[in-house]
Amino acid sequence: MDTAKDARVLVLEDALRRLNDVVSARRLKIHVEYSKLVEALKIAGSLLYEVKYSYIDASALAAHEATKNLVAAIDDFADVYNAAIESVGFKPKTGKEQLALAEIDYALRIVKGIPTRLAEHNEDPAYAIDMLTVEISQAHPIENSKNLLSCRCTDGSRIWHIVTNISDVKPGVKLACGVLPPVEMMNVVSEAMFLGGEALQEATELGLLANPPDSALDQARAQVMQITKRMM
């Protein structure tokens, strides 16, 4: 396998870059031991190159010592980060603060899930991210926007805030979404992106989407390719 060009590995590299950007710019407006965050990222960064240029098959890479140690280093990062957040009960006050937290949550999810993505999925770029079934509980127009809606959704285990221009979304509808790099629009942070826009069947279970429809796969693939082009 050409691990240097595999979308799963490139998305992992992008996630580590995002963590480094947040830490180097000190975008976390809390008291946190930055030296420990930097050390964890340094370890993960050195291991990334061993992962990226291993040129072994995906299942072997999932179980590779470098992959395990990279995940462990970012687990250490998460422990320090979560302890700092919990110690003060931090709540973001601005869109920029919320975006920084969303970027960290996104990146941590990508790193934690890399062994599963390597072991259980093929090289299709769509599977470089998590695709979920979410149910909309609220949908409100964003003030001063022409056609944007802020949606509160659940995947059965957590709440997601998703900004969309799909006009017919409404509470009770289930949609596919992709966990992509968060973006800020009109001072509202979107933590994921609806994929395809077609309502899923009511019986579809919330959480990881086992059999994504073609429209969801196509859109996920296109979004991942935008990420990987920046990493090539």
Protein backbone atom coordinates (compact mmCIF):
# COMPACT_ATOMS: atom_id res chain seq x y z
CA MET A 1 0.00 0.00 0.00
CA ASP A 2 1.26 3.48 -0.85
CA THR A 3 0.85 4.81 2.67
CA ALA A 4 2.29 8.20 1.68
CA LYS A 5 -0.75 8.82 -0.53
CA ASP A 6 -3.43 6.95 1.40
CA ALA A 7 -6.28 9.33 2.28
CA ARG A 8 -6.61 7.92 5.80
CA VAL A 9 -2.97 8.68 6.55
CA LEU A 10 -3.14 12.13 4.94
CA VAL A 11 -6.25 13.04 6.94
CA LEU A 12 -4.37 11.88 10.05
CA GLU A 13 -1.47 14.16 9.10
CA ASP A 14 -3.85 17.07 8.62
CA ALA A 15 -5.41 16.41 12.04
CA LEU A 16 -1.99 16.54 13.73
CA ARG A 17 -1.24 19.76 11.86
CA ARG A 18 -4.44 21.28 13.23
CA LEU A 19 -3.48 20.34 16.79
CA ASN A 20 -0.07 21.91 16.27
CA ASP A 21 -1.66 25.10 14.91
CA VAL A 22 -3.97 25.48 17.91
CA VAL A 23 -1.15 24.85 20.38
CA SER A 24 1.55 26.94 18.67
CA ALA A 25 -0.80 29.93 18.41
CA ARG A 26 -1.98 29.37 22.01
CA ARG A 27 -5.59 29.57 20.91
CA LEU A 28 -6.80 27.81 24.07
CA LYS A 29 -7.98 30.54 26.44
CA ILE A 30 -7.41 28.42 29.53
CA HIS A 31 -4.54 27.61 31.82
CA VAL A 32 -3.05 24.44 30.37
CA GLU A 33 0.40 22.88 30.51
CA TYR A 34 1.44 23.80 26.99
CA SER A 35 4.83 22.13 27.43
CA LYS A 36 3.12 18.75 27.87
CA LEU A 37 0.92 19.36 24.81
CA VAL A 38 3.98 20.29 22.75
CA GLU A 39 5.87 17.20 23.91
CA ALA A 40 2.98 14.90 22.99
CA LEU A 41 2.71 16.50 19.55
CA LYS A 42 6.46 16.21 19.03
CA ILE A 43 6.33 12.48 19.73
CA ALA A 44 3.29 12.00 17.50
CA GLY A 45 4.91 14.00 14.71
CA SER A 46 8.04 11.85 14.68
CA LEU A 47 5.93 8.69 14.62
CA LEU A 48 3.76 10.03 11.80
CA TYR A 49 6.65 9.80 9.34
CA GLU A 50 7.22 6.17 10.27
CA VAL A 51 3.52 5.51 9.66
CA LYS A 52 3.34 7.55 6.46
CA TYR A 53 6.38 5.99 4.83
CA SER A 54 5.93 2.42 6.09
CA TYR A 55 4.52 1.15 2.77
CA ILE A 56 2.87 -1.84 4.43
CA ASP A 57 -0.71 -3.02 3.98
CA ALA A 58 -3.47 -1.31 5.91
CA SER A 59 -4.21 -4.11 8.36
CA ALA A 60 -0.54 -4.39 9.28
CA LEU A 61 -0.30 -0.61 9.66
CA ALA A 62 -3.32 -0.61 11.99
CA ALA A 63 -1.43 -2.96 14.33
CA HIS A 64 2.01 -1.37 13.77
CA GLU A 65 3.89 -0.23 16.86
CA ALA A 66 4.34 3.26 15.43
CA THR A 67 0.59 3.62 14.92
CA LYS A 68 -0.14 2.45 18.45
CA ASN A 69 2.45 4.79 19.95
CA LEU A 70 1.19 7.74 17.91
CA VAL A 71 -2.33 7.18 19.22
CA ALA A 72 -0.95 6.81 22.76
CA ALA A 73 0.93 10.12 22.47
CA ILE A 74 -2.26 11.92 21.45
CA ASP A 75 -4.13 10.15 24.25
CA ASP A 76 -1.61 11.85 26.58
CA PHE A 77 -2.39 15.16 24.84
CA ALA A 78 -6.11 14.54 25.40
CA ASP A 79 -5.58 13.77 29.09
CA VAL A 80 -3.80 17.09 29.67
CA TYR A 81 -6.30 19.02 27.56
CA ASN A 82 -9.40 17.47 29.14
CA ALA A 83 -8.05 17.97 32.66
CA ALA A 84 -7.54 21.67 31.95
CA ILE A 85 -11.04 22.06 30.51
CA GLU A 86 -12.70 20.20 33.37
CA SER A 87 -10.76 21.96 36.11
CA VAL A 88 -12.36 25.30 35.30
CA GLY A 89 -15.54 24.12 33.60
CA PHE A 90 -14.46 26.12 30.55
CA LYS A 91 -17.19 27.36 28.21
CA PRO A 92 -16.18 29.19 25.01
CA LYS A 93 -17.41 32.78 24.86
CA THR A 94 -16.62 33.60 21.21
CA GLY A 95 -16.80 31.89 17.86
CA LYS A 96 -13.01 31.71 17.71
CA GLU A 97 -12.80 30.01 21.09
CA GLN A 98 -15.52 27.55 20.08
CA LEU A 99 -13.71 26.85 16.79
CA ALA A 100 -10.45 26.06 18.61
CA LEU A 101 -12.21 23.51 20.83
CA ALA A 102 -14.04 22.02 17.85
CA GLU A 103 -10.79 21.63 15.93
CA ILE A 104 -9.21 19.79 18.84
CA ASP A 105 -12.23 17.51 19.23
CA TYR A 106 -12.17 16.77 15.50
CA ALA A 107 -8.44 16.05 15.44
CA LEU A 108 -8.57 13.82 18.53
CA ARG A 109 -11.38 11.80 16.92
CA ILE A 110 -9.38 11.35 13.71
CA VAL A 111 -6.31 10.12 15.60
CA LYS A 112 -8.24 7.81 17.91
CA GLY A 113 -10.06 6.22 14.97
CA ILE A 114 -7.10 5.67 12.65
CA PRO A 115 -6.51 2.01 13.64
CA THR A 116 -10.16 1.15 12.92
CA ARG A 117 -10.19 3.02 9.60
CA LEU A 118 -7.07 1.17 8.51
CA ALA A 119 -8.23 -2.25 9.69
CA GLU A 120 -11.90 -2.18 8.67
CA HIS A 121 -12.16 0.02 5.57
CA ASN A 122 -10.68 0.12 2.11
CA GLU A 123 -8.69 2.91 0.49
CA ASP A 124 -11.78 4.80 -0.69
CA PRO A 125 -11.17 8.40 0.51
CA ALA A 126 -14.76 8.58 1.80
CA TYR A 127 -13.77 6.26 4.64
CA ALA A 128 -10.94 8.50 5.83
CA ILE A 129 -13.51 10.22 8.06
CA ASP A 130 -16.45 9.07 10.17
CA MET A 131 -19.85 9.08 8.52
CA LEU A 132 -22.74 9.19 10.97
CA THR A 133 -26.51 9.03 11.11
CA VAL A 134 -27.81 12.01 13.06
CA GLU A 135 -31.31 13.13 13.93
CA ILE A 136 -32.16 16.82 13.87
CA SER A 137 -33.76 18.17 17.05
CA GLN A 138 -33.65 21.89 16.22
CA ALA A 139 -33.13 23.99 13.09
CA HIS A 140 -32.99 27.78 13.21
CA PRO A 141 -32.10 30.43 10.61
CA ILE A 142 -28.80 32.18 11.30
CA GLU A 143 -29.30 35.88 11.78
CA ASN A 144 -28.13 38.07 8.89
CA SER A 145 -27.44 35.07 6.64
CA LYS A 146 -29.32 34.58 3.40
CA ASN A 147 -30.05 30.87 3.60
CA LEU A 148 -28.06 29.27 6.42
CA LEU A 149 -29.61 27.16 9.16
CA SER A 150 -28.01 26.16 12.45
CA CYS A 151 -29.04 22.61 13.32
CA ARG A 152 -28.75 20.82 16.64
CA CYS A 153 -28.45 17.08 16.05
CA THR A 154 -27.70 13.89 17.94
CA ASP A 155 -25.93 10.69 16.90
CA GLY A 156 -27.22 8.93 20.01
CA SER A 157 -24.10 9.62 22.06
CA ARG A 158 -23.38 13.33 21.67
CA ILE A 159 -24.77 16.59 20.31
CA TRP A 160 -23.56 18.01 17.01
CA HIS A 161 -24.04 21.54 15.73
CA ILE A 162 -24.19 21.65 11.94
CA VAL A 163 -24.62 24.68 9.69
CA THR A 164 -26.31 23.97 6.39
CA ASN A 165 -27.98 25.64 3.42
CA ILE A 166 -30.33 22.69 2.88
CA SER A 167 -33.68 24.45 3.08
CA ASP A 168 -36.00 21.58 4.02
CA VAL A 169 -34.23 20.21 7.11
CA LYS A 170 -36.50 19.95 10.13
CA PRO A 171 -36.68 18.30 13.55
CA GLY A 172 -37.16 14.53 13.47
CA VAL A 173 -35.39 14.03 10.14
CA LYS A 174 -32.40 11.69 10.03
CA LEU A 175 -29.51 12.60 7.75
CA ALA A 176 -26.03 11.35 6.97
CA CYS A 177 -23.22 13.61 8.10
CA GLY A 178 -19.46 13.55 7.82
CA VAL A 179 -17.16 14.50 10.68
CA LEU A 180 -15.01 16.98 8.78
CA PRO A 181 -12.79 19.86 9.91
CA PRO A 182 -15.04 22.37 11.68
CA VAL A 183 -15.70 25.76 10.12
CA GLU A 184 -17.05 29.04 11.43
CA MET A 185 -19.83 30.73 9.47
CA MET A 186 -21.53 33.91 10.63
CA ASN A 187 -19.94 33.42 14.07
CA VAL A 188 -21.52 29.95 14.31
CA VAL A 189 -19.28 26.86 14.33
CA SER A 190 -20.30 23.86 12.26
CA GLU A 191 -18.82 20.68 13.73
CA ALA A 192 -19.77 18.39 10.84
CA MET A 193 -21.40 18.47 7.41
CA PHE A 194 -24.59 16.91 6.11
CA LEU A 195 -23.79 14.51 3.27
CA GLY A 196 -26.03 14.20 0.26
CA GLY A 197 -28.99 15.98 1.81
CA GLU A 198 -31.33 13.02 1.38
CA ALA A 199 -33.34 11.98 4.42
CA LEU A 200 -32.49 8.50 5.70
CA GLN A 201 -35.15 5.96 6.56
CA GLU A 202 -36.71 6.38 9.99
CA ALA A 203 -35.44 2.95 11.03
CA THR A 204 -31.80 3.88 10.39
CA GLU A 205 -29.87 3.55 13.63
CA LEU A 206 -28.11 6.61 15.00
CA GLY A 207 -24.32 6.60 15.15
CA LEU A 208 -21.80 5.26 12.66
CA LEU A 209 -23.47 4.85 9.28
CA ALA A 210 -22.99 1.22 8.23
CA ASN A 211 -24.13 1.52 4.60
CA PRO A 212 -23.85 5.12 3.42
CA PRO A 213 -25.95 5.98 0.35
CA ASP A 214 -24.03 6.78 -2.83
CA SER A 215 -24.81 10.50 -2.52
CA ALA A 216 -23.24 10.58 0.96
CA LEU A 217 -20.19 8.65 -0.21
CA ASP A 218 -19.72 10.97 -3.19
CA GLN A 219 -19.83 14.09 -1.04
CA ALA A 220 -17.59 12.62 1.67
CA ARG A 221 -15.09 11.57 -0.98
CA ALA A 222 -15.05 15.05 -2.49
CA GLN A 223 -14.53 16.72 0.89
CA VAL A 224 -11.71 14.36 1.85
CA MET A 225 -10.00 14.93 -1.49
CA GLN A 226 -9.93 18.65 -0.73
CA ILE A 227 -8.05 17.87 2.49
CA THR A 228 -5.61 15.45 0.88
CA LYS A 229 -4.74 17.79 -1.99
CA ARG A 230 -3.29 20.18 0.58
CA MET A 231 -1.17 17.39 2.07
CA MET A 232 0.33 15.98 -1.17
